[in-house]
Amino acid sequence: MKRDGRLGVGIIGAGRVGPVIGAALAGAGHAITGITTGSHDERAGAVLPGAAVLDALEIVRRSELVVIAVPHDELPGLVSGLAELEAWQLGQLVMHTDPAHGLDVLGPAARRGAIPLAVHPAIAFTGTSMDLRMLRDAYAAVTAPGPVLPIAQALAVEMGCEPIVVADADRPAYAEAIATATTFSRSIVRQAAGLLRQAGVAQPGSYLSTLVHATVDLALRDADPLSEVDRIEPDELDG
């Protein structure tokens, strides 16, 4: 780290997540060293304008913090491949954003002296600047070795999120919860919209909007039960 805590940040992954994370960290004062190319370069350029486009090896060589935001199945091979090229550096921060992987996937980098961090912001990324606003209302699951946990938490805060520590052993359960919430919700809404379309409703998404949002809000309230004090009715306090 530099003396003022600002880092040179490189982004590996130009999909929906990487450029947004880069833009959030740039907004916190970090310098973007570069981003890899991808299938959505135009969208990435709109979210992270002016960032140099580099290959993964050059990103690692130039950066104090490497953010890896690639598909789940690509992450292990990418980390180990860069380790075989002796790219990882002593004391370098390496952070992935995958909900399911913990710290083990960063083992090849850690064995070469890099510091492994896993930070998953719990939002449905669109890959647009709108995600930066969503991050400010979101939580992030943070997993890191004890001595460097404050660094991972600080990075989550700088992205705009409230960090929640998830133990490395609990990452599979965490990932299942995230997958259940996102996949099941999307599937149910699509099914309901299809049935409404069959019933002659021309814009089923708009029709369902208020109903679905209200239902989800109620379910979320049930998921965080109130304390006994919060449950006391106003008239009970009078008598």
Protein backbone atom coordinates (compact mmCIF):
# COMPACT_ATOMS: atom_id res chain seq x y z
CA MET A 1 0.00 0.00 0.00
CA LYS A 2 1.02 3.58 -0.57
CA ARG A 3 1.41 5.77 2.51
CA ASP A 4 -1.98 7.39 1.99
CA GLY A 5 -3.70 4.01 1.60
CA ARG A 6 -4.42 4.55 -2.10
CA LEU A 7 -3.73 1.56 -4.33
CA GLY A 8 -3.01 0.86 -7.95
CA VAL A 9 -5.98 -1.37 -8.85
CA GLY A 10 -6.07 -3.74 -11.82
CA ILE A 11 -9.27 -5.43 -12.99
CA ILE A 12 -9.28 -8.89 -14.55
CA GLY A 13 -12.72 -9.38 -16.07
CA ALA A 14 -14.64 -6.92 -18.24
CA GLY A 15 -18.13 -8.35 -17.75
CA ARG A 16 -20.89 -6.91 -15.59
CA VAL A 17 -18.96 -6.94 -12.30
CA GLY A 18 -15.32 -5.96 -12.89
CA PRO A 19 -15.78 -2.49 -14.39
CA VAL A 20 -18.33 -1.53 -11.72
CA ILE A 21 -16.01 -2.61 -8.90
CA GLY A 22 -13.21 -0.67 -10.58
CA ALA A 23 -15.37 2.45 -10.87
CA ALA A 24 -16.42 2.19 -7.21
CA LEU A 25 -12.80 1.91 -6.05
CA ALA A 26 -11.73 4.71 -8.38
CA GLY A 27 -14.45 6.83 -6.80
CA ALA A 28 -12.83 6.14 -3.43
CA GLY A 29 -9.54 7.56 -4.70
CA HIS A 30 -7.70 4.48 -5.94
CA ALA A 31 -5.90 4.55 -9.29
CA ILE A 32 -6.97 2.09 -11.99
CA THR A 33 -3.90 0.56 -13.62
CA GLY A 34 -5.89 -1.25 -16.30
CA ILE A 35 -8.60 -3.72 -17.21
CA THR A 36 -8.58 -6.80 -19.39
CA THR A 37 -10.58 -6.98 -22.60
CA GLY A 38 -13.86 -8.90 -22.80
CA SER A 39 -17.07 -9.44 -24.71
CA HIS A 40 -18.62 -6.20 -23.38
CA ASP A 41 -15.77 -3.72 -23.88
CA GLU A 42 -18.09 -0.89 -24.95
CA ARG A 43 -20.17 -1.22 -21.80
CA ALA A 44 -17.04 -1.55 -19.66
CA GLY A 45 -15.60 1.58 -21.25
CA ALA A 46 -18.74 3.52 -20.39
CA VAL A 47 -18.52 2.52 -16.72
CA LEU A 48 -14.73 2.82 -16.44
CA PRO A 49 -13.69 5.40 -19.07
CA GLY A 50 -10.04 5.93 -19.84
CA ALA A 51 -8.77 2.71 -18.25
CA ALA A 52 -5.90 1.08 -20.10
CA VAL A 53 -6.78 -2.25 -21.72
CA LEU A 54 -4.08 -4.77 -20.81
CA ASP A 55 -3.65 -8.52 -20.67
CA ALA A 56 -3.99 -10.31 -17.34
CA LEU A 57 -0.24 -10.76 -16.89
CA GLU A 58 0.42 -7.06 -17.31
CA ILE A 59 -2.46 -6.20 -14.97
CA VAL A 60 -0.84 -8.31 -12.23
CA ARG A 61 2.60 -6.84 -12.83
CA ARG A 62 1.37 -3.25 -12.54
CA SER A 63 -1.12 -3.51 -9.66
CA GLU A 64 -1.00 -3.47 -5.87
CA LEU A 65 -4.59 -4.77 -5.75
CA VAL A 66 -5.82 -7.20 -8.40
CA VAL A 67 -9.60 -7.61 -8.59
CA ILE A 68 -10.64 -10.83 -10.34
CA ALA A 69 -14.21 -10.80 -11.58
CA VAL A 70 -14.49 -13.74 -13.97
CA PRO A 71 -17.01 -16.60 -14.24
CA HIS A 72 -16.92 -19.15 -11.42
CA ASP A 73 -15.43 -21.98 -13.50
CA GLU A 74 -12.66 -19.78 -14.95
CA LEU A 75 -11.31 -18.53 -11.64
CA PRO A 76 -9.18 -21.53 -10.54
CA GLY A 77 -7.39 -21.88 -13.87
CA LEU A 78 -6.73 -18.16 -14.12
CA VAL A 79 -5.16 -17.92 -10.66
CA SER A 80 -3.04 -21.05 -11.07
CA GLY A 81 -2.01 -20.08 -14.59
CA LEU A 82 -0.70 -16.71 -13.44
CA ALA A 83 1.11 -18.47 -10.59
CA GLU A 84 2.87 -20.74 -13.09
CA LEU A 85 4.03 -17.60 -14.89
CA GLU A 86 5.37 -16.30 -11.55
CA ALA A 87 3.18 -13.22 -11.91
CA TRP A 88 1.93 -12.86 -8.32
CA GLN A 89 3.98 -10.58 -6.10
CA LEU A 90 4.88 -10.60 -2.43
CA GLY A 91 2.40 -8.48 -0.44
CA GLN A 92 0.11 -7.92 -3.41
CA LEU A 93 -3.63 -7.94 -2.61
CA VAL A 94 -5.66 -10.38 -4.71
CA MET A 95 -9.44 -10.13 -4.39
CA HIS A 96 -12.08 -12.20 -6.16
CA THR A 97 -15.81 -11.39 -6.22
CA ASP A 98 -17.27 -14.89 -6.61
CA PRO A 99 -19.89 -15.82 -3.97
CA ALA A 100 -19.08 -19.54 -3.93
CA HIS A 101 -15.30 -19.63 -3.92
CA GLY A 102 -13.52 -18.92 -0.69
CA LEU A 103 -9.81 -18.43 -0.12
CA ASP A 104 -8.62 -21.83 -1.38
CA VAL A 105 -9.03 -20.78 -5.01
CA LEU A 106 -6.46 -18.04 -4.39
CA GLY A 107 -4.02 -20.55 -2.87
CA PRO A 108 -1.59 -20.49 -5.83
CA ALA A 109 -1.29 -16.71 -5.48
CA ALA A 110 -1.00 -16.87 -1.69
CA ARG A 111 1.82 -19.43 -1.92
CA ARG A 112 3.79 -16.86 -3.88
CA GLY A 113 3.28 -14.22 -1.22
CA ALA A 114 0.08 -12.52 -2.35
CA ILE A 115 -2.67 -11.68 0.16
CA PRO A 116 -5.99 -13.44 -0.62
CA LEU A 117 -9.33 -11.68 -0.16
CA ALA A 118 -12.88 -12.71 -1.15
CA VAL A 119 -15.46 -9.91 -1.32
CA HIS A 120 -18.88 -10.49 -2.86
CA PRO A 121 -21.19 -7.45 -3.09
CA ALA A 122 -24.75 -8.79 -2.79
CA ILE A 123 -26.40 -7.03 -5.72
CA ALA A 124 -27.64 -8.18 -9.11
CA PHE A 125 -25.10 -6.47 -11.34
CA THR A 126 -26.33 -4.91 -14.58
CA GLY A 127 -22.90 -3.71 -15.70
CA THR A 128 -24.01 -0.08 -15.80
CA SER A 129 -23.39 2.99 -13.65
CA MET A 130 -26.71 2.29 -11.93
CA ASP A 131 -24.88 -0.47 -10.02
CA LEU A 132 -22.80 2.17 -8.23
CA ARG A 133 -25.97 3.49 -6.60
CA MET A 134 -27.09 -0.03 -5.67
CA LEU A 135 -23.74 -0.72 -4.01
CA ARG A 136 -24.39 2.14 -1.58
CA ASP A 137 -27.44 0.28 -0.24
CA ALA A 138 -25.89 -3.19 -0.29
CA TYR A 139 -24.02 -5.59 1.94
CA ALA A 140 -20.87 -7.45 0.95
CA ALA A 141 -19.74 -10.87 2.16
CA VAL A 142 -16.12 -10.57 3.23
CA THR A 143 -13.74 -13.50 3.76
CA ALA A 144 -10.04 -13.07 4.50
CA PRO A 145 -7.29 -14.37 6.80
CA GLY A 146 -7.63 -12.81 10.26
CA PRO A 147 -4.68 -10.40 10.11
CA VAL A 148 -5.86 -8.83 6.82
CA LEU A 149 -9.62 -8.98 7.43
CA PRO A 150 -9.72 -5.22 8.16
CA ILE A 151 -8.29 -4.57 4.69
CA ALA A 152 -11.05 -6.60 3.04
CA GLN A 153 -13.67 -4.85 5.16
CA ALA A 154 -12.24 -1.44 4.26
CA LEU A 155 -12.36 -2.26 0.55
CA ALA A 156 -16.01 -3.28 0.86
CA VAL A 157 -16.77 0.02 2.61
CA GLU A 158 -14.95 1.94 -0.12
CA MET A 159 -17.15 0.23 -2.70
CA GLY A 160 -20.11 1.62 -0.75
CA CYS A 161 -21.16 -1.64 0.93
CA GLU A 162 -21.60 -2.67 4.54
CA PRO A 163 -19.22 -5.60 5.11
CA ILE A 164 -20.49 -8.81 6.69
CA VAL A 165 -17.85 -11.37 7.64
CA VAL A 166 -18.52 -14.85 6.25
CA ALA A 167 -16.18 -17.62 7.43
CA ASP A 168 -14.30 -19.47 4.73
CA ALA A 169 -16.02 -22.74 5.69
CA ASP A 170 -19.43 -21.08 5.32
CA ARG A 171 -18.94 -19.84 1.75
CA PRO A 172 -20.80 -22.83 0.17
CA ALA A 173 -23.89 -22.17 2.31
CA TYR A 174 -23.64 -18.47 1.54
CA ALA A 175 -23.41 -19.15 -2.19
CA GLU A 176 -26.43 -21.45 -2.05
CA ALA A 177 -28.45 -18.73 -0.31
CA ILE A 178 -27.51 -16.17 -2.97
CA ALA A 179 -28.30 -18.59 -5.81
CA THR A 180 -31.65 -19.50 -4.25
CA ALA A 181 -32.67 -15.88 -3.80
CA THR A 182 -31.72 -14.80 -7.32
CA THR A 183 -32.51 -17.84 -9.47
CA PHE A 184 -35.74 -18.81 -7.74
CA SER A 185 -37.09 -15.24 -7.69
CA ARG A 186 -36.38 -14.75 -11.39
CA SER A 187 -37.91 -18.10 -12.29
CA ILE A 188 -41.11 -17.49 -10.31
CA VAL A 189 -41.63 -14.03 -11.83
CA ARG A 190 -41.12 -15.38 -15.34
CA GLN A 191 -43.58 -18.18 -14.71
CA ALA A 192 -46.20 -15.79 -13.33
CA ALA A 193 -45.68 -13.39 -16.24
CA GLY A 194 -46.18 -16.22 -18.71
CA LEU A 195 -49.48 -17.21 -17.08
CA LEU A 196 -50.70 -13.61 -17.12
CA ARG A 197 -49.78 -13.34 -20.80
CA GLN A 198 -51.90 -16.43 -21.47
CA ALA A 199 -54.73 -14.72 -19.57
CA GLY A 200 -54.55 -11.76 -21.94
CA VAL A 201 -52.55 -9.30 -19.82
CA ALA A 202 -50.47 -7.33 -22.32
CA GLN A 203 -47.76 -6.08 -19.93
CA PRO A 204 -47.41 -8.74 -17.23
CA GLY A 205 -44.18 -7.29 -15.86
CA SER A 206 -45.78 -3.94 -15.11
CA TYR A 207 -48.87 -5.66 -13.75
CA LEU A 208 -46.81 -7.74 -11.31
CA SER A 209 -44.45 -4.97 -10.25
CA THR A 210 -46.29 -3.60 -7.20
CA LEU A 211 -47.49 -7.03 -6.09
CA VAL A 212 -44.06 -8.65 -6.31
CA HIS A 213 -42.23 -5.77 -4.64
CA ALA A 214 -44.73 -5.69 -1.76
CA THR A 215 -44.57 -9.47 -1.33
CA VAL A 216 -40.78 -9.48 -1.30
CA ASP A 217 -40.69 -6.60 1.19
CA LEU A 218 -42.98 -8.54 3.53
CA ALA A 219 -40.85 -11.66 3.17
CA LEU A 220 -37.70 -9.67 3.94
CA ARG A 221 -39.32 -8.24 7.06
CA ASP A 222 -40.19 -11.76 8.17
CA ALA A 223 -36.57 -12.79 7.58
CA ASP A 224 -35.39 -10.21 10.15
CA PRO A 225 -37.74 -10.75 13.10
CA LEU A 226 -38.24 -7.83 15.46
CA SER A 227 -37.02 -7.93 19.02
CA GLU A 228 -39.54 -8.38 21.82
CA VAL A 229 -39.35 -4.66 22.61
CA ASP A 230 -40.14 -3.79 18.98
CA ARG A 231 -43.18 -6.09 19.10
CA ILE A 232 -44.88 -4.13 21.92
CA GLU A 233 -47.97 -2.34 20.68
CA PRO A 234 -48.38 1.39 21.50
CA ASP A 235 -51.48 0.78 23.68
CA GLU A 236 -49.53 -1.71 25.79
CA LEU A 237 -47.09 1.05 26.74
CA ASP A 238 -49.96 3.20 28.08
CA GLY A 239 -51.16 0.68 30.60
